[in-house]
Amino acid sequence: MAKVDSVNIEDDISHSSLPNFLDIEVNTNQRLCSVLLNKFNYLPWSRAVSLALGGKGKLGFVNGRVEALDSSSSTYGAWLCKDQLVMSLLLNTMEKHVAEIFSYYNSSCELWKALQDMYGNKKNYARVFQLKKDIASAQQEGKAFV
């Protein structure tokens, strides 16, 4: 994987976090973390992914510290390359049916926010529904709970 010349990009962009991610190569065939997002495990997934991205110098893409560049910027291509890499890493940490739902976002930050909105709120409707369904189908010694 070719490395981006961080001197040129640093001169053109005033993002203090950019030098942290430019020289780090990432193998997208490796799974970022051991936790796969499956609709019901957002909190452990987001923590594992945050730690992994932070360790690779890519967390700024999802938390907004590395802002999206204007497409007319001379360094837009380098930013887009890194952002798409982060999106790929995120999608590879999701079960297939979840990744298919979220695969069409334009940036890794938008993707991260959409996941947080869907699964991270305290009123996690998907989780509440699943728990109610599990309770309704629970049995003890062959008899349903009443």
N, C-alpha and C. Protein backbone atom coordinates (compact mmCIF):
# COMPACT_ATOMS: atom_id res chain seq x y z
N MET A 1 0.86 -1.17 0.00
CA MET A 1 0.00 0.00 0.00
C MET A 1 0.90 1.23 0.00
N ALA A 2 0.68 2.15 -0.89
CA ALA A 2 1.48 3.36 -0.98
C ALA A 2 1.14 4.30 0.16
N LYS A 3 2.17 4.98 0.63
CA LYS A 3 1.96 5.93 1.71
C LYS A 3 1.75 7.32 1.13
N VAL A 4 0.93 8.12 1.79
CA VAL A 4 0.64 9.47 1.35
C VAL A 4 1.69 10.40 1.91
N ASP A 5 2.12 11.37 1.13
CA ASP A 5 3.10 12.34 1.58
C ASP A 5 2.45 13.28 2.59
N SER A 6 2.74 13.09 3.87
CA SER A 6 2.07 13.84 4.93
C SER A 6 2.48 15.31 4.95
N VAL A 7 3.63 15.64 4.39
CA VAL A 7 4.06 17.03 4.42
C VAL A 7 3.14 17.89 3.55
N ASN A 8 2.83 17.43 2.34
CA ASN A 8 1.96 18.20 1.46
C ASN A 8 0.56 18.34 2.04
N ILE A 9 0.03 17.27 2.56
CA ILE A 9 -1.33 17.32 3.11
C ILE A 9 -1.36 18.19 4.35
N GLU A 10 -0.37 18.06 5.20
CA GLU A 10 -0.34 18.86 6.43
C GLU A 10 -0.28 20.34 6.12
N ASP A 11 0.44 20.71 5.05
CA ASP A 11 0.53 22.12 4.66
C ASP A 11 -0.81 22.65 4.18
N ASP A 12 -1.60 21.83 3.49
CA ASP A 12 -2.85 22.27 2.91
C ASP A 12 -4.04 22.20 3.86
N ILE A 13 -3.95 21.39 4.90
CA ILE A 13 -5.08 21.17 5.79
C ILE A 13 -4.68 21.56 7.20
N SER A 14 -5.56 22.23 7.89
CA SER A 14 -5.24 22.67 9.24
C SER A 14 -5.79 21.73 10.29
N HIS A 15 -5.95 20.45 9.98
CA HIS A 15 -6.43 19.47 10.95
C HIS A 15 -5.25 18.95 11.75
N SER A 16 -5.28 19.15 13.06
CA SER A 16 -4.17 18.71 13.88
C SER A 16 -4.09 17.19 13.96
N SER A 17 -5.17 16.49 13.67
CA SER A 17 -5.15 15.03 13.80
C SER A 17 -4.67 14.33 12.52
N LEU A 18 -4.51 15.03 11.43
CA LEU A 18 -4.12 14.38 10.19
C LEU A 18 -2.78 13.66 10.25
N PRO A 19 -1.73 14.22 10.83
CA PRO A 19 -0.47 13.49 10.84
C PRO A 19 -0.57 12.14 11.56
N ASN A 20 -1.53 11.97 12.45
CA ASN A 20 -1.67 10.73 13.19
C ASN A 20 -2.12 9.57 12.32
N PHE A 21 -2.79 9.81 11.22
CA PHE A 21 -3.33 8.70 10.45
C PHE A 21 -2.64 8.47 9.12
N LEU A 22 -1.82 9.35 8.68
CA LEU A 22 -1.31 9.26 7.32
C LEU A 22 -0.34 8.12 7.09
N ASP A 23 0.50 7.80 8.03
CA ASP A 23 1.53 6.81 7.80
C ASP A 23 1.17 5.43 8.33
N ILE A 24 -0.06 5.24 8.75
CA ILE A 24 -0.47 3.96 9.29
C ILE A 24 -1.16 3.16 8.20
N GLU A 25 -0.63 2.00 7.92
CA GLU A 25 -1.24 1.14 6.93
C GLU A 25 -2.18 0.17 7.63
N VAL A 26 -3.28 -0.14 6.98
CA VAL A 26 -4.28 -1.02 7.56
C VAL A 26 -4.60 -2.12 6.57
N ASN A 27 -4.64 -3.34 7.05
CA ASN A 27 -5.03 -4.47 6.22
C ASN A 27 -6.53 -4.65 6.35
N THR A 28 -7.28 -4.36 5.29
CA THR A 28 -8.74 -4.44 5.37
C THR A 28 -9.24 -5.87 5.37
N ASN A 29 -8.37 -6.84 5.10
CA ASN A 29 -8.79 -8.24 5.17
C ASN A 29 -8.85 -8.74 6.60
N GLN A 30 -8.15 -8.07 7.51
CA GLN A 30 -8.21 -8.43 8.91
C GLN A 30 -9.43 -7.80 9.54
N ARG A 31 -10.03 -8.52 10.47
CA ARG A 31 -11.17 -7.97 11.19
C ARG A 31 -10.64 -6.97 12.21
N LEU A 32 -11.28 -5.83 12.30
CA LEU A 32 -10.86 -4.75 13.19
C LEU A 32 -10.95 -5.16 14.65
N CYS A 33 -12.00 -5.91 15.00
CA CYS A 33 -12.17 -6.36 16.38
C CYS A 33 -12.94 -7.68 16.38
N SER A 34 -13.02 -8.31 17.54
CA SER A 34 -13.67 -9.62 17.61
C SER A 34 -15.18 -9.54 17.76
N VAL A 35 -15.71 -8.36 18.02
CA VAL A 35 -17.16 -8.19 18.22
C VAL A 35 -17.80 -7.79 16.90
N LEU A 36 -18.79 -8.57 16.44
CA LEU A 36 -19.54 -8.24 15.24
C LEU A 36 -20.86 -7.61 15.65
N LEU A 37 -21.18 -6.47 15.06
CA LEU A 37 -22.44 -5.79 15.36
C LEU A 37 -23.59 -6.62 14.80
N ASN A 38 -24.56 -6.91 15.67
CA ASN A 38 -25.69 -7.75 15.27
C ASN A 38 -27.03 -7.14 15.67
N LYS A 39 -27.14 -5.87 15.78
CA LYS A 39 -28.33 -5.12 16.16
C LYS A 39 -28.51 -5.00 17.67
N PHE A 40 -28.02 -5.97 18.43
CA PHE A 40 -28.31 -5.99 19.86
C PHE A 40 -27.09 -5.80 20.74
N ASN A 41 -25.94 -5.62 20.17
CA ASN A 41 -24.72 -5.49 20.97
C ASN A 41 -23.95 -4.21 20.65
N TYR A 42 -24.67 -3.14 20.42
CA TYR A 42 -24.04 -1.89 19.99
C TYR A 42 -22.98 -1.39 20.98
N LEU A 43 -23.27 -1.40 22.27
CA LEU A 43 -22.33 -0.83 23.24
C LEU A 43 -20.99 -1.56 23.26
N PRO A 44 -20.96 -2.89 23.40
CA PRO A 44 -19.64 -3.54 23.36
C PRO A 44 -18.98 -3.41 21.99
N TRP A 45 -19.78 -3.44 20.92
CA TRP A 45 -19.23 -3.28 19.58
C TRP A 45 -18.58 -1.90 19.42
N SER A 46 -19.31 -0.84 19.80
CA SER A 46 -18.78 0.51 19.59
C SER A 46 -17.52 0.74 20.43
N ARG A 47 -17.47 0.16 21.61
CA ARG A 47 -16.27 0.30 22.45
C ARG A 47 -15.09 -0.42 21.80
N ALA A 48 -15.31 -1.65 21.34
CA ALA A 48 -14.24 -2.41 20.71
C ALA A 48 -13.75 -1.73 19.44
N VAL A 49 -14.67 -1.22 18.63
CA VAL A 49 -14.30 -0.55 17.39
C VAL A 49 -13.58 0.77 17.68
N SER A 50 -14.05 1.52 18.67
CA SER A 50 -13.39 2.77 19.04
C SER A 50 -11.95 2.53 19.46
N LEU A 51 -11.75 1.52 20.28
CA LEU A 51 -10.39 1.19 20.72
C LEU A 51 -9.51 0.78 19.54
N ALA A 52 -10.05 -0.05 18.67
CA ALA A 52 -9.27 -0.52 17.52
C ALA A 52 -8.94 0.63 16.56
N LEU A 53 -9.93 1.47 16.27
CA LEU A 53 -9.67 2.61 15.38
C LEU A 53 -8.69 3.59 16.02
N GLY A 54 -8.84 3.81 17.31
CA GLY A 54 -7.90 4.68 18.02
C GLY A 54 -6.48 4.15 17.95
N GLY A 55 -6.34 2.85 18.09
CA GLY A 55 -5.02 2.23 18.01
C GLY A 55 -4.41 2.29 16.63
N LYS A 56 -5.22 2.46 15.61
CA LYS A 56 -4.73 2.58 14.24
C LYS A 56 -4.67 4.03 13.77
N GLY A 57 -5.00 4.97 14.67
CA GLY A 57 -4.95 6.37 14.29
C GLY A 57 -6.08 6.81 13.39
N LYS A 58 -7.22 6.10 13.42
CA LYS A 58 -8.33 6.40 12.52
C LYS A 58 -9.60 6.87 13.23
N LEU A 59 -9.58 6.98 14.53
CA LEU A 59 -10.78 7.34 15.28
C LEU A 59 -11.33 8.71 14.88
N GLY A 60 -10.48 9.63 14.49
CA GLY A 60 -10.91 10.97 14.10
C GLY A 60 -11.89 10.99 12.94
N PHE A 61 -11.87 9.97 12.12
CA PHE A 61 -12.79 9.91 10.99
C PHE A 61 -14.23 9.66 11.45
N VAL A 62 -14.41 8.88 12.50
CA VAL A 62 -15.76 8.58 12.94
C VAL A 62 -16.27 9.54 14.00
N ASN A 63 -15.38 10.13 14.77
CA ASN A 63 -15.85 11.05 15.82
C ASN A 63 -15.89 12.50 15.35
N GLY A 64 -15.54 12.76 14.11
CA GLY A 64 -15.66 14.10 13.56
C GLY A 64 -14.44 14.99 13.71
N ARG A 65 -13.40 14.51 14.34
CA ARG A 65 -12.20 15.35 14.50
C ARG A 65 -11.45 15.54 13.19
N VAL A 66 -11.56 14.58 12.30
CA VAL A 66 -11.03 14.74 10.95
C VAL A 66 -12.25 15.03 10.09
N GLU A 67 -12.42 16.28 9.77
CA GLU A 67 -13.62 16.71 9.03
C GLU A 67 -13.51 16.37 7.55
N ALA A 68 -14.66 16.15 6.96
CA ALA A 68 -14.70 15.90 5.52
C ALA A 68 -14.18 17.12 4.77
N LEU A 69 -13.43 16.86 3.74
CA LEU A 69 -12.88 17.94 2.93
C LEU A 69 -13.80 18.24 1.76
N ASP A 70 -13.70 19.46 1.26
CA ASP A 70 -14.43 19.85 0.06
C ASP A 70 -13.82 19.11 -1.12
N SER A 71 -14.66 18.66 -2.02
CA SER A 71 -14.17 17.88 -3.16
C SER A 71 -13.24 18.69 -4.07
N SER A 72 -13.23 20.01 -3.94
CA SER A 72 -12.32 20.82 -4.76
C SER A 72 -10.94 20.97 -4.11
N SER A 73 -10.80 20.50 -2.89
CA SER A 73 -9.52 20.58 -2.19
C SER A 73 -8.48 19.71 -2.89
N SER A 74 -7.25 20.19 -2.90
CA SER A 74 -6.17 19.42 -3.55
C SER A 74 -5.88 18.13 -2.79
N THR A 75 -6.29 18.03 -1.54
CA THR A 75 -6.03 16.83 -0.75
C THR A 75 -7.28 15.97 -0.53
N TYR A 76 -8.34 16.29 -1.26
CA TYR A 76 -9.58 15.54 -1.11
C TYR A 76 -9.39 14.05 -1.42
N GLY A 77 -8.65 13.74 -2.45
CA GLY A 77 -8.43 12.34 -2.83
C GLY A 77 -7.78 11.54 -1.72
N ALA A 78 -6.79 12.12 -1.06
CA ALA A 78 -6.12 11.43 0.04
C ALA A 78 -7.08 11.24 1.21
N TRP A 79 -7.86 12.28 1.51
CA TRP A 79 -8.84 12.16 2.60
C TRP A 79 -9.88 11.09 2.27
N LEU A 80 -10.40 11.10 1.04
CA LEU A 80 -11.43 10.15 0.62
C LEU A 80 -10.90 8.71 0.71
N CYS A 81 -9.67 8.50 0.29
CA CYS A 81 -9.06 7.19 0.36
C CYS A 81 -9.05 6.67 1.80
N LYS A 82 -8.62 7.50 2.73
CA LYS A 82 -8.58 7.10 4.14
C LYS A 82 -9.97 6.91 4.71
N ASP A 83 -10.91 7.78 4.35
CA ASP A 83 -12.27 7.67 4.88
C ASP A 83 -12.93 6.39 4.37
N GLN A 84 -12.73 6.06 3.12
CA GLN A 84 -13.32 4.84 2.58
C GLN A 84 -12.69 3.61 3.20
N LEU A 85 -11.43 3.70 3.55
CA LEU A 85 -10.77 2.61 4.26
C LEU A 85 -11.45 2.39 5.62
N VAL A 86 -11.72 3.47 6.33
CA VAL A 86 -12.39 3.38 7.64
C VAL A 86 -13.80 2.82 7.46
N MET A 87 -14.51 3.27 6.44
CA MET A 87 -15.86 2.72 6.19
C MET A 87 -15.78 1.22 5.94
N SER A 88 -14.81 0.78 5.19
CA SER A 88 -14.64 -0.64 4.92
C SER A 88 -14.37 -1.40 6.21
N LEU A 89 -13.52 -0.85 7.04
CA LEU A 89 -13.22 -1.49 8.33
C LEU A 89 -14.48 -1.60 9.18
N LEU A 90 -15.28 -0.54 9.21
CA LEU A 90 -16.52 -0.56 9.99
C LEU A 90 -17.48 -1.62 9.46
N LEU A 91 -17.70 -1.63 8.16
CA LEU A 91 -18.64 -2.57 7.57
C LEU A 91 -18.19 -4.02 7.79
N ASN A 92 -16.89 -4.24 7.85
CA ASN A 92 -16.37 -5.59 8.10
C ASN A 92 -16.53 -6.03 9.54
N THR A 93 -16.98 -5.14 10.42
CA THR A 93 -17.21 -5.51 11.82
C THR A 93 -18.70 -5.71 12.10
N MET A 94 -19.47 -5.87 11.04
CA MET A 94 -20.92 -6.04 11.19
C MET A 94 -21.35 -7.37 10.58
N GLU A 95 -22.40 -7.94 11.16
CA GLU A 95 -22.99 -9.10 10.51
C GLU A 95 -23.53 -8.66 9.15
N LYS A 96 -23.59 -9.61 8.24
CA LYS A 96 -23.91 -9.29 6.84
C LYS A 96 -25.20 -8.49 6.70
N HIS A 97 -26.27 -8.89 7.39
CA HIS A 97 -27.55 -8.20 7.23
C HIS A 97 -27.50 -6.77 7.77
N VAL A 98 -26.68 -6.51 8.76
CA VAL A 98 -26.53 -5.14 9.27
C VAL A 98 -25.68 -4.32 8.30
N ALA A 99 -24.60 -4.89 7.82
CA ALA A 99 -23.73 -4.18 6.88
C ALA A 99 -24.48 -3.80 5.60
N GLU A 100 -25.37 -4.67 5.14
CA GLU A 100 -26.13 -4.37 3.93
C GLU A 100 -27.03 -3.15 4.13
N ILE A 101 -27.58 -3.00 5.30
CA ILE A 101 -28.45 -1.85 5.60
C ILE A 101 -27.66 -0.55 5.58
N PHE A 102 -26.44 -0.57 6.09
CA PHE A 102 -25.67 0.66 6.31
C PHE A 102 -24.55 0.89 5.28
N SER A 103 -24.53 0.16 4.21
CA SER A 103 -23.40 0.24 3.28
C SER A 103 -23.43 1.43 2.33
N TYR A 104 -24.48 2.22 2.35
CA TYR A 104 -24.60 3.30 1.36
C TYR A 104 -24.37 4.70 1.91
N TYR A 105 -23.76 4.81 3.07
CA TYR A 105 -23.46 6.14 3.59
C TYR A 105 -22.25 6.72 2.87
N ASN A 106 -22.18 8.05 2.83
CA ASN A 106 -21.13 8.73 2.06
C ASN A 106 -19.82 8.89 2.79
N SER A 107 -19.83 8.81 4.12
CA SER A 107 -18.59 8.95 4.87
C SER A 107 -18.65 8.07 6.11
N SER A 108 -17.49 7.80 6.65
CA SER A 108 -17.43 6.96 7.85
C SER A 108 -18.07 7.67 9.04
N CYS A 109 -17.99 8.98 9.09
CA CYS A 109 -18.62 9.74 10.18
C CYS A 109 -20.15 9.63 10.08
N GLU A 110 -20.70 9.76 8.89
CA GLU A 110 -22.14 9.60 8.69
C GLU A 110 -22.58 8.19 9.07
N LEU A 111 -21.80 7.22 8.68
CA LEU A 111 -22.10 5.83 9.00
C LEU A 111 -22.11 5.61 10.51
N TRP A 112 -21.10 6.12 11.19
CA TRP A 112 -20.98 5.98 12.65
C TRP A 112 -22.18 6.63 13.36
N LYS A 113 -22.55 7.82 12.91
CA LYS A 113 -23.69 8.52 13.52
C LYS A 113 -24.99 7.78 13.28
N ALA A 114 -25.16 7.22 12.09
CA ALA A 114 -26.38 6.46 11.79
C ALA A 114 -26.47 5.22 12.67
N LEU A 115 -25.36 4.54 12.87
CA LEU A 115 -25.34 3.37 13.75
C LEU A 115 -25.66 3.76 15.19
N GLN A 116 -25.09 4.87 15.62
CA GLN A 116 -25.36 5.35 16.97
C GLN A 116 -26.82 5.72 17.14
N ASP A 117 -27.39 6.39 16.14
CA ASP A 117 -28.81 6.76 16.20
C ASP A 117 -29.71 5.53 16.23
N MET A 118 -29.36 4.53 15.45
CA MET A 118 -30.21 3.34 15.35
C MET A 118 -30.10 2.44 16.57
N TYR A 119 -28.88 2.20 17.03
CA TYR A 119 -28.67 1.19 18.06
C TYR A 119 -28.17 1.73 19.40
N GLY A 120 -27.67 2.94 19.42
CA GLY A 120 -27.00 3.42 20.61
C GLY A 120 -27.84 4.20 21.59
N ASN A 121 -29.06 4.54 21.20
CA ASN A 121 -29.85 5.35 22.11
C ASN A 121 -30.42 4.52 23.25
N LYS A 122 -30.81 5.19 24.31
CA LYS A 122 -31.31 4.50 25.49
C LYS A 122 -32.65 3.83 25.23
N LYS A 123 -33.34 4.26 24.21
CA LYS A 123 -34.62 3.66 23.84
C LYS A 123 -34.39 2.72 22.67
N ASN A 124 -33.44 1.85 22.81
CA ASN A 124 -33.07 0.93 21.74
C ASN A 124 -34.25 0.02 21.44
N TYR A 125 -35.08 0.46 20.52
CA TYR A 125 -36.32 -0.23 20.21
C TYR A 125 -36.09 -1.65 19.70
N ALA A 126 -35.04 -1.84 18.93
CA ALA A 126 -34.76 -3.17 18.42
C ALA A 126 -34.44 -4.13 19.57
N ARG A 127 -33.67 -3.66 20.52
CA ARG A 127 -33.31 -4.50 21.67
C ARG A 127 -34.52 -4.76 22.56
N VAL A 128 -35.33 -3.74 22.81
CA VAL A 128 -36.54 -3.90 23.63
C VAL A 128 -37.48 -4.92 22.99
N PHE A 129 -37.65 -4.81 21.68
CA PHE A 129 -38.50 -5.76 20.96
C PHE A 129 -37.98 -7.19 21.11
N GLN A 130 -36.66 -7.37 20.93
CA GLN A 130 -36.08 -8.70 21.04
C GLN A 130 -36.24 -9.26 22.45
N LEU A 131 -36.03 -8.44 23.47
CA LEU A 131 -36.19 -8.90 24.85
C LEU A 131 -37.63 -9.30 25.14
N LYS A 132 -38.59 -8.49 24.68
CA LYS A 132 -40.00 -8.83 24.88
C LYS A 132 -40.35 -10.14 24.17
N LYS A 133 -39.80 -10.32 22.99
CA LYS A 133 -40.04 -11.55 22.23
C LYS A 133 -39.44 -12.75 22.97
N ASP A 134 -38.23 -12.58 23.51
CA ASP A 134 -37.58 -13.66 24.26
C ASP A 134 -38.37 -14.00 25.52
N ILE A 135 -38.85 -12.99 26.22
CA ILE A 135 -39.63 -13.21 27.44
C ILE A 135 -40.93 -13.94 27.10
N ALA A 136 -41.58 -13.51 26.02
CA ALA A 136 -42.84 -14.12 25.63
C ALA A 136 -42.67 -15.60 25.27
N SER A 137 -41.53 -15.97 24.75
CA SER A 137 -41.32 -17.35 24.35
C SER A 137 -40.57 -18.17 25.39
N ALA A 138 -40.26 -17.58 26.54
CA ALA A 138 -39.52 -18.28 27.60
C ALA A 138 -40.39 -19.39 28.19
N GLN A 139 -39.73 -20.50 28.52
CA GLN A 139 -40.42 -21.64 29.12
C GLN A 139 -39.60 -22.19 30.26
N GLN A 140 -40.28 -22.80 31.23
CA GLN A 140 -39.61 -23.49 32.31
C GLN A 140 -40.27 -24.84 32.45
N GLU A 141 -39.47 -25.88 32.32
CA GLU A 141 -39.98 -27.25 32.39
C GLU A 141 -41.13 -27.48 31.41
N GLY A 142 -40.98 -26.95 30.19
CA GLY A 142 -41.96 -27.17 29.17
C GLY A 142 -43.22 -26.32 29.28
N LYS A 143 -43.32 -25.48 30.28
CA LYS A 143 -44.50 -24.63 30.47
C LYS A 143 -44.12 -23.17 30.25
N ALA A 144 -44.96 -22.46 29.55
CA ALA A 144 -44.73 -21.04 29.30
C ALA A 144 -44.93 -20.25 30.58
N PHE A 145 -44.14 -19.19 30.74
CA PHE A 145 -44.32 -18.28 31.87
C PHE A 145 -45.59 -17.49 31.69
N VAL A 146 -46.27 -17.22 32.76
CA VAL A 146 -47.50 -16.44 32.69
C VAL A 146 -47.31 -15.14 33.41
